[in-house]
């Protein structure tokens, strides 16, 4: 079961556990961060909004291949 926590303190504690504090500080120095979510095995922490679940679909992965030189569709 995944442990889910919310809030600034929880995110910074999780960032420390995942050794991401320096990276987040460097990114925040350049960009304005409105939300942060950290996912590690067994734990999810987020600041404002819980990340949405999605299923990644990779087109043409199992059915066909495209020849890069000609652009033709090649059956596997």
PDB file of N, CA and C in Angstrom:
ATOM      1  N   UNK A   1       0.847  -1.183   0.000  1.00  0.00           N
ATOM      2  CA  UNK A   1       0.000   0.000   0.000  1.00  0.00           C
ATOM      3  C   UNK A   1       0.890   1.242   0.000  1.00  0.00           C
ATOM      4  N   UNK A   2       0.534   2.188  -0.831  1.00  0.00           N
ATOM      5  CA  UNK A   2       1.314   3.411  -0.933  1.00  0.00           C
ATOM      6  C   UNK A   2       0.887   4.404   0.141  1.00  0.00           C
ATOM      7  N   UNK A   3       1.861   4.977   0.813  1.00  0.00           N
ATOM      8  CA  UNK A   3       1.611   6.000   1.819  1.00  0.00           C
ATOM      9  C   UNK A   3       1.514   7.350   1.102  1.00  0.00           C
ATOM     10  N   UNK A   4       0.412   8.068   1.310  1.00  0.00           N
ATOM     11  CA  UNK A   4       0.170   9.349   0.638  1.00  0.00           C
ATOM     12  C   UNK A   4       0.125  10.444   1.694  1.00  0.00           C
ATOM     13  N   UNK A   5       0.925  11.496   1.480  1.00  0.00           N
ATOM     14  CA  UNK A   5       0.946  12.635   2.397  1.00  0.00           C
ATOM     15  C   UNK A   5       0.867  13.920   1.588  1.00  0.00           C
ATOM     16  N   UNK A   6       0.381  14.970   2.241  1.00  0.00           N
ATOM     17  CA  UNK A   6       0.220  16.259   1.590  1.00  0.00           C
ATOM     18  C   UNK A   6       0.764  17.357   2.486  1.00  0.00           C
ATOM     19  N   UNK A   7       1.356  18.383   1.873  1.00  0.00           N
ATOM     20  CA  UNK A   7       1.804  19.547   2.617  1.00  0.00           C
ATOM     21  C   UNK A   7       3.281  19.832   2.423  1.00  0.00           C
ATOM     22  N   UNK A   8       3.650  21.051   2.738  1.00  0.00           N
ATOM     23  CA  UNK A   8       5.017  21.512   2.545  1.00  0.00           C
ATOM     24  C   UNK A   8       6.018  20.712   3.387  1.00  0.00           C
ATOM     25  N   UNK A   9       5.702  20.493   4.644  1.00  0.00           N
ATOM     26  CA  UNK A   9       6.627  19.762   5.526  1.00  0.00           C
ATOM     27  C   UNK A   9       6.814  18.323   5.054  1.00  0.00           C
ATOM     28  N   UNK A  10       5.736  17.687   4.627  1.00  0.00           N
ATOM     29  CA  UNK A  10       5.814  16.302   4.157  1.00  0.00           C
ATOM     30  C   UNK A  10       6.638  16.211   2.877  1.00  0.00           C
ATOM     31  N   UNK A  11       6.463  17.186   1.977  1.00  0.00           N
ATOM     32  CA  UNK A  11       7.220  17.180   0.718  1.00  0.00           C
ATOM     33  C   UNK A  11       8.710  17.359   0.994  1.00  0.00           C
ATOM     34  N   UNK A  12       9.071  18.284   1.883  1.00  0.00           N
ATOM     35  CA  UNK A  12      10.489  18.502   2.159  1.00  0.00           C
ATOM     36  C   UNK A  12      11.115  17.317   2.892  1.00  0.00           C
ATOM     37  N   UNK A  13      10.351  16.683   3.749  1.00  0.00           N
ATOM     38  CA  UNK A  13      10.872  15.496   4.432  1.00  0.00           C
ATOM     39  C   UNK A  13      11.096  14.364   3.418  1.00  0.00           C
ATOM     40  N   UNK A  14      10.157  14.180   2.511  1.00  0.00           N
ATOM     41  CA  UNK A  14      10.295  13.156   1.476  1.00  0.00           C
ATOM     42  C   UNK A  14      11.443  13.502   0.526  1.00  0.00           C
ATOM     43  N   UNK A  15      11.612  14.775   0.203  1.00  0.00           N
ATOM     44  CA  UNK A  15      12.727  15.204  -0.647  1.00  0.00           C
ATOM     45  C   UNK A  15      14.062  14.897   0.019  1.00  0.00           C
ATOM     46  N   UNK A  16      14.118  15.080   1.322  1.00  0.00           N
ATOM     47  CA  UNK A  16      15.342  14.760   2.056  1.00  0.00           C
ATOM     48  C   UNK A  16      15.613  13.257   2.025  1.00  0.00           C
ATOM     49  N   UNK A  17      14.568  12.445   2.210  1.00  0.00           N
ATOM     50  CA  UNK A  17      14.726  10.990   2.173  1.00  0.00           C
ATOM     51  C   UNK A  17      15.166  10.517   0.784  1.00  0.00           C
ATOM     52  N   UNK A  18      14.669  11.170  -0.271  1.00  0.00           N
ATOM     53  CA  UNK A  18      14.992  10.782  -1.641  1.00  0.00           C
ATOM     54  C   UNK A  18      16.224  11.511  -2.168  1.00  0.00           C
ATOM     55  N   UNK A  19      16.848  12.346  -1.342  1.00  0.00           N
ATOM     56  CA  UNK A  19      18.033  13.121  -1.707  1.00  0.00           C
ATOM     57  C   UNK A  19      17.747  14.038  -2.902  1.00  0.00           C
ATOM     58  N   UNK A  20      16.610  14.745  -2.852  1.00  0.00           N
ATOM     59  CA  UNK A  20      16.202  15.641  -3.929  1.00  0.00           C
ATOM     60  C   UNK A  20      16.147  17.107  -3.520  1.00  0.00           C
ATOM     61  N   UNK A  21      16.507  17.429  -2.283  1.00  0.00           N
ATOM     62  CA  UNK A  21      16.377  18.806  -1.812  1.00  0.00           C
ATOM     63  C   UNK A  21      17.193  19.788  -2.638  1.00  0.00           C
ATOM     64  N   UNK A  22      18.440  19.436  -2.944  1.00  0.00           N
ATOM     65  CA  UNK A  22      19.289  20.351  -3.707  1.00  0.00           C
ATOM     66  C   UNK A  22      18.752  20.562  -5.119  1.00  0.00           C
ATOM     67  N   UNK A  23      18.261  19.507  -5.730  1.00  0.00           N
ATOM     68  CA  UNK A  23      17.719  19.607  -7.081  1.00  0.00           C
ATOM     69  C   UNK A  23      16.482  20.505  -7.100  1.00  0.00           C
ATOM     70  N   UNK A  24      15.603  20.326  -6.139  1.00  0.00           N
ATOM     71  CA  UNK A  24      14.392  21.157  -6.070  1.00  0.00           C
ATOM     72  C   UNK A  24      14.760  22.611  -5.832  1.00  0.00           C
ATOM     73  N   UNK A  25      15.731  22.867  -4.975  1.00  0.00           N
ATOM     74  CA  UNK A  25      16.169  24.251  -4.728  1.00  0.00           C
ATOM     75  C   UNK A  25      16.742  24.889  -5.989  1.00  0.00           C
ATOM     76  N   UNK A  26      17.545  24.124  -6.758  1.00  0.00           N
ATOM     77  CA  UNK A  26      18.133  24.658  -7.982  1.00  0.00           C
ATOM     78  C   UNK A  26      17.062  24.975  -9.018  1.00  0.00           C
ATOM     79  N   UNK A  27      16.081  24.103  -9.170  1.00  0.00           N
ATOM     80  CA  UNK A  27      14.997  24.344 -10.124  1.00  0.00           C
ATOM     81  C   UNK A  27      14.153  25.535  -9.671  1.00  0.00           C
ATOM     82  N   UNK A  28      13.864  25.626  -8.367  1.00  0.00           N
ATOM     83  CA  UNK A  28      13.054  26.723  -7.830  1.00  0.00           C
ATOM     84  C   UNK A  28      13.763  28.068  -7.959  1.00  0.00           C
ATOM     85  N   UNK A  29      15.088  28.061  -8.018  1.00  0.00           N
ATOM     86  CA  UNK A  29      15.825  29.305  -8.188  1.00  0.00           C
ATOM     87  C   UNK A  29      15.634  29.874  -9.593  1.00  0.00           C
ATOM     88  N   UNK A  30      15.350  29.014 -10.561  1.00  0.00           N
ATOM     89  CA  UNK A  30      15.201  29.454 -11.945  1.00  0.00           C
ATOM     90  C   UNK A  30      13.730  29.600 -12.342  1.00  0.00           C
ATOM     91  N   UNK A  31      12.897  28.656 -11.892  1.00  0.00           N
ATOM     92  CA  UNK A  31      11.487  28.638 -12.273  1.00  0.00           C
ATOM     93  C   UNK A  31      10.602  28.813 -11.049  1.00  0.00           C
ATOM     94  N   UNK A  32       9.428  29.387 -11.270  1.00  0.00           N
ATOM     95  CA  UNK A  32       8.444  29.496 -10.192  1.00  0.00           C
ATOM     96  C   UNK A  32       7.676  28.180 -10.107  1.00  0.00           C
ATOM     97  N   UNK A  33       7.791  27.494  -8.982  1.00  0.00           N
ATOM     98  CA  UNK A  33       7.122  26.213  -8.795  1.00  0.00           C
ATOM     99  C   UNK A  33       5.800  26.431  -8.076  1.00  0.00           C
ATOM    100  N   UNK A  34       4.724  25.998  -8.699  1.00  0.00           N
ATOM    101  CA  UNK A  34       3.419  26.125  -8.061  1.00  0.00           C
ATOM    102  C   UNK A  34       3.022  24.844  -7.342  1.00  0.00           C
ATOM    103  N   UNK A  35       3.610  23.717  -7.770  1.00  0.00           N
ATOM    104  CA  UNK A  35       3.273  22.439  -7.158  1.00  0.00           C
ATOM    105  C   UNK A  35       4.454  21.493  -7.289  1.00  0.00           C
ATOM    106  N   UNK A  36       4.615  20.631  -6.298  1.00  0.00           N
ATOM    107  CA  UNK A  36       5.675  19.628  -6.299  1.00  0.00           C
ATOM    108  C   UNK A  36       5.069  18.308  -5.869  1.00  0.00           C
ATOM    109  N   UNK A  37       5.401  17.247  -6.593  1.00  0.00           N
ATOM    110  CA  UNK A  37       4.973  15.904  -6.217  1.00  0.00           C
ATOM    111  C   UNK A  37       6.186  14.986  -6.316  1.00  0.00           C
ATOM    112  N   UNK A  38       6.387  14.152  -5.305  1.00  0.00           N
ATOM    113  CA  UNK A  38       7.501  13.211  -5.286  1.00  0.00           C
ATOM    114  C   UNK A  38       6.926  11.816  -5.119  1.00  0.00           C
ATOM    115  N   UNK A  39       7.326  10.926  -6.022  1.00  0.00           N
ATOM    116  CA  UNK A  39       6.858   9.544  -5.972  1.00  0.00           C
ATOM    117  C   UNK A  39       8.075   8.639  -5.873  1.00  0.00           C
ATOM    118  N   UNK A  40       8.125   7.855  -4.821  1.00  0.00           N
ATOM    119  CA  UNK A  40       9.144   6.832  -4.646  1.00  0.00           C
ATOM    120  C   UNK A  40       8.419   5.532  -4.330  1.00  0.00           C
ATOM    121  N   UNK A  41       9.092   4.401  -4.428  1.00  0.00           N
ATOM    122  CA  UNK A  41       8.402   3.141  -4.134  1.00  0.00           C
ATOM    123  C   UNK A  41       7.755   3.155  -2.742  1.00  0.00           C
ATOM    124  N   UNK A  42       6.444   3.038  -2.718  1.00  0.00           N
ATOM    125  CA  UNK A  42       5.703   2.978  -1.467  1.00  0.00           C
ATOM    126  C   UNK A  42       5.303   4.307  -0.862  1.00  0.00           C
ATOM    127  N   UNK A  43       5.667   5.433  -1.500  1.00  0.00           N
ATOM    128  CA  UNK A  43       5.353   6.726  -0.899  1.00  0.00           C
ATOM    129  C   UNK A  43       5.096   7.791  -1.968  1.00  0.00           C
ATOM    130  N   UNK A  44       4.069   8.612  -1.729  1.00  0.00           N
ATOM    131  CA  UNK A  44       3.719   9.743  -2.593  1.00  0.00           C
ATOM    132  C   UNK A  44       3.475  10.942  -1.706  1.00  0.00           C
ATOM    133  N   UNK A  45       4.146  12.041  -2.015  1.00  0.00           N
ATOM    134  CA  UNK A  45       3.871  13.299  -1.316  1.00  0.00           C
ATOM    135  C   UNK A  45       3.655  14.374  -2.371  1.00  0.00           C
ATOM    136  N   UNK A  46       2.756  15.304  -2.061  1.00  0.00           N
ATOM    137  CA  UNK A  46       2.481  16.398  -2.990  1.00  0.00           C
ATOM    138  C   UNK A  46       2.141  17.643  -2.199  1.00  0.00           C
ATOM    139  N   UNK A  47       2.324  18.793  -2.857  1.00  0.00           N
ATOM    140  CA  UNK A  47       2.113  20.070  -2.190  1.00  0.00           C
ATOM    141  C   UNK A  47       0.665  20.521  -2.306  1.00  0.00           C
ATOM    142  N   UNK A  48       0.143  20.682  -3.536  1.00  0.00           N
ATOM    143  CA  UNK A  48      -1.206  21.214  -3.720  1.00  0.00           C
ATOM    144  C   UNK A  48      -2.174  20.219  -4.350  1.00  0.00           C
ATOM    145  N   UNK A  49      -1.783  19.642  -5.485  1.00  0.00           N
ATOM    146  CA  UNK A  49      -2.691  18.760  -6.219  1.00  0.00           C
ATOM    147  C   UNK A  49      -2.066  17.381  -6.378  1.00  0.00           C
ATOM    148  N   UNK A  50      -2.871  16.355  -6.109  1.00  0.00           N
ATOM    149  CA  UNK A  50      -2.418  14.983  -6.283  1.00  0.00           C
ATOM    150  C   UNK A  50      -2.236  14.709  -7.780  1.00  0.00           C
ATOM    151  N   UNK A  51      -1.126  14.095  -8.177  1.00  0.00           N
ATOM    152  CA  UNK A  51      -0.914  13.814  -9.605  1.00  0.00           C
ATOM    153  C   UNK A  51      -1.996  12.887 -10.160  1.00  0.00           C
ATOM    154  N   UNK A  52      -2.382  13.128 -11.405  1.00  0.00           N
ATOM    155  CA  UNK A  52      -3.391  12.295 -12.058  1.00  0.00           C
ATOM    156  C   UNK A  52      -2.777  10.985 -12.513  1.00  0.00           C
ATOM    157  N   UNK A  53      -3.571   9.907 -12.465  1.00  0.00           N
ATOM    158  CA  UNK A  53      -3.127   8.636 -13.002  1.00  0.00           C
ATOM    159  C   UNK A  53      -3.361   8.643 -14.497  1.00  0.00           C
ATOM    160  N   UNK A  54      -2.441   8.058 -15.240  1.00  0.00           N
ATOM    161  CA  UNK A  54      -2.606   7.950 -16.677  1.00  0.00           C
ATOM    162  C   UNK A  54      -1.947   6.673 -17.168  1.00  0.00           C
ATOM    163  N   UNK A  55      -2.374   6.244 -18.333  1.00  0.00           N
ATOM    164  CA  UNK A  55      -1.792   5.082 -18.972  1.00  0.00           C
ATOM    165  C   UNK A  55      -1.087   5.555 -20.234  1.00  0.00           C
ATOM    166  N   UNK A  56       0.185   5.271 -20.325  1.00  0.00           N
ATOM    167  CA  UNK A  56       0.955   5.694 -21.483  1.00  0.00           C
ATOM    168  C   UNK A  56       0.760   4.693 -22.610  1.00  0.00           C
ATOM    169  N   UNK A  57       0.376   5.197 -23.778  1.00  0.00           N
ATOM    170  CA  UNK A  57       0.180   4.361 -24.955  1.00  0.00           C
ATOM    171  C   UNK A  57       1.288   4.689 -25.941  1.00  0.00           C
ATOM    172  N   UNK A  58       1.992   3.672 -26.357  1.00  0.00           N
ATOM    173  CA  UNK A  58       3.078   3.866 -27.311  1.00  0.00           C
ATOM    174  C   UNK A  58       2.605   3.422 -28.696  1.00  0.00           C
ATOM    175  N   UNK A  59       2.349   4.367 -29.582  1.00  0.00           N
ATOM    176  CA  UNK A  59       1.809   4.006 -30.898  1.00  0.00           C
ATOM    177  C   UNK A  59       2.799   3.175 -31.712  1.00  0.00           C
ATOM    178  N   UNK A  60       2.265   2.249 -32.459  1.00  0.00           N
ATOM    179  CA  UNK A  60       3.027   1.403 -33.377  1.00  0.00           C
ATOM    180  C   UNK A  60       4.032   0.491 -32.684  1.00  0.00           C
ATOM    181  N   UNK A  61       3.934   0.338 -31.375  1.00  0.00           N
ATOM    182  CA  UNK A  61       4.924  -0.480 -30.692  1.00  0.00           C
ATOM    183  C   UNK A  61       4.777  -1.958 -31.025  1.00  0.00           C
ATOM    184  N   UNK A  62       3.554  -2.464 -31.077  1.00  0.00           N
ATOM    185  CA  UNK A  62       3.377  -3.890 -31.286  1.00  0.00           C
ATOM    186  C   UNK A  62       2.844  -4.242 -32.667  1.00  0.00           C
ATOM    187  N   UNK A  63       2.241  -3.319 -33.378  1.00  0.00           N
ATOM    188  CA  UNK A  63       1.604  -3.651 -34.650  1.00  0.00           C
ATOM    189  C   UNK A  63       2.517  -3.474 -35.858  1.00  0.00           C
ATOM    190  N   UNK A  64       3.097  -2.320 -36.001  1.00  0.00           N
ATOM    191  CA  UNK A  64       3.873  -2.023 -37.204  1.00  0.00           C
ATOM    192  C   UNK A  64       5.101  -1.203 -36.838  1.00  0.00           C
ATOM    193  N   UNK A  65       6.001  -1.114 -37.799  1.00  0.00           N
ATOM    194  CA  UNK A  65       7.155  -0.228 -37.679  1.00  0.00           C
ATOM    195  C   UNK A  65       7.131   0.727 -38.868  1.00  0.00           C
ATOM    196  N   UNK A  66       7.742   1.888 -38.686  1.00  0.00           N
ATOM    197  CA  UNK A  66       7.830   2.857 -39.775  1.00  0.00           C
ATOM    198  C   UNK A  66       9.298   2.958 -40.191  1.00  0.00           C
ATOM    199  N   UNK A  67       9.532   2.825 -41.481  1.00  0.00           N
ATOM    200  CA  UNK A  67      10.876   2.962 -42.020  1.00  0.00           C
ATOM    201  C   UNK A  67      11.248   4.445 -41.973  1.00  0.00           C
ATOM    202  N   UNK A  68      12.304   4.787 -41.241  1.00  0.00           N
ATOM    203  CA  UNK A  68      12.682   6.187 -41.067  1.00  0.00           C
ATOM    204  C   UNK A  68      13.117   6.842 -42.368  1.00  0.00           C
ATOM    205  N   UNK A  69      13.738   6.079 -43.251  1.00  0.00           N
ATOM    206  CA  UNK A  69      14.248   6.651 -44.506  1.00  0.00           C
ATOM    207  C   UNK A  69      13.117   6.993 -45.472  1.00  0.00           C
ATOM    208  N   UNK A  70      12.139   6.096 -45.598  1.00  0.00           N
ATOM    209  CA  UNK A  70      11.085   6.304 -46.597  1.00  0.00           C
ATOM    210  C   UNK A  70       9.757   6.732 -46.010  1.00  0.00           C
ATOM    211  N   UNK A  71       9.544   6.462 -44.711  1.00  0.00           N
ATOM    212  CA  UNK A  71       8.274   6.777 -44.077  1.00  0.00           C
ATOM    213  C   UNK A  71       7.209   5.725 -44.311  1.00  0.00           C
ATOM    214  N   UNK A  72       7.589   4.603 -44.932  1.00  0.00           N
ATOM    215  CA  UNK A  72       6.646   3.532 -45.215  1.00  0.00           C
ATOM    216  C   UNK A  72       6.346   2.718 -43.957  1.00  0.00           C
ATOM    217  N   UNK A  73       5.127   2.207 -43.877  1.00  0.00           N
ATOM    218  CA  UNK A  73       4.735   1.352 -42.768  1.00  0.00           C
ATOM    219  C   UNK A  73       5.147  -0.075 -43.101  1.00  0.00           C
ATOM    220  N   UNK A  74       5.872  -0.702 -42.181  1.00  0.00           N
ATOM    221  CA  UNK A  74       6.372  -2.056 -42.375  1.00  0.00           C
ATOM    222  C   UNK A  74       5.747  -2.944 -41.314  1.00  0.00           C
ATOM    223  N   UNK A  75       5.108  -4.040 -41.725  1.00  0.00           N
ATOM    224  CA  UNK A  75       4.531  -4.988 -40.764  1.00  0.00           C
ATOM    225  C   UNK A  75       5.650  -5.742 -40.079  1.00  0.00           C
ATOM    226  N   UNK A  76       5.450  -6.083 -38.820  1.00  0.00           N
ATOM    227  CA  UNK A  76       6.464  -6.832 -38.083  1.00  0.00           C
ATOM    228  C   UNK A  76       6.535  -8.259 -38.527  1.00  0.00           C
TER     229      UNK A  76
END
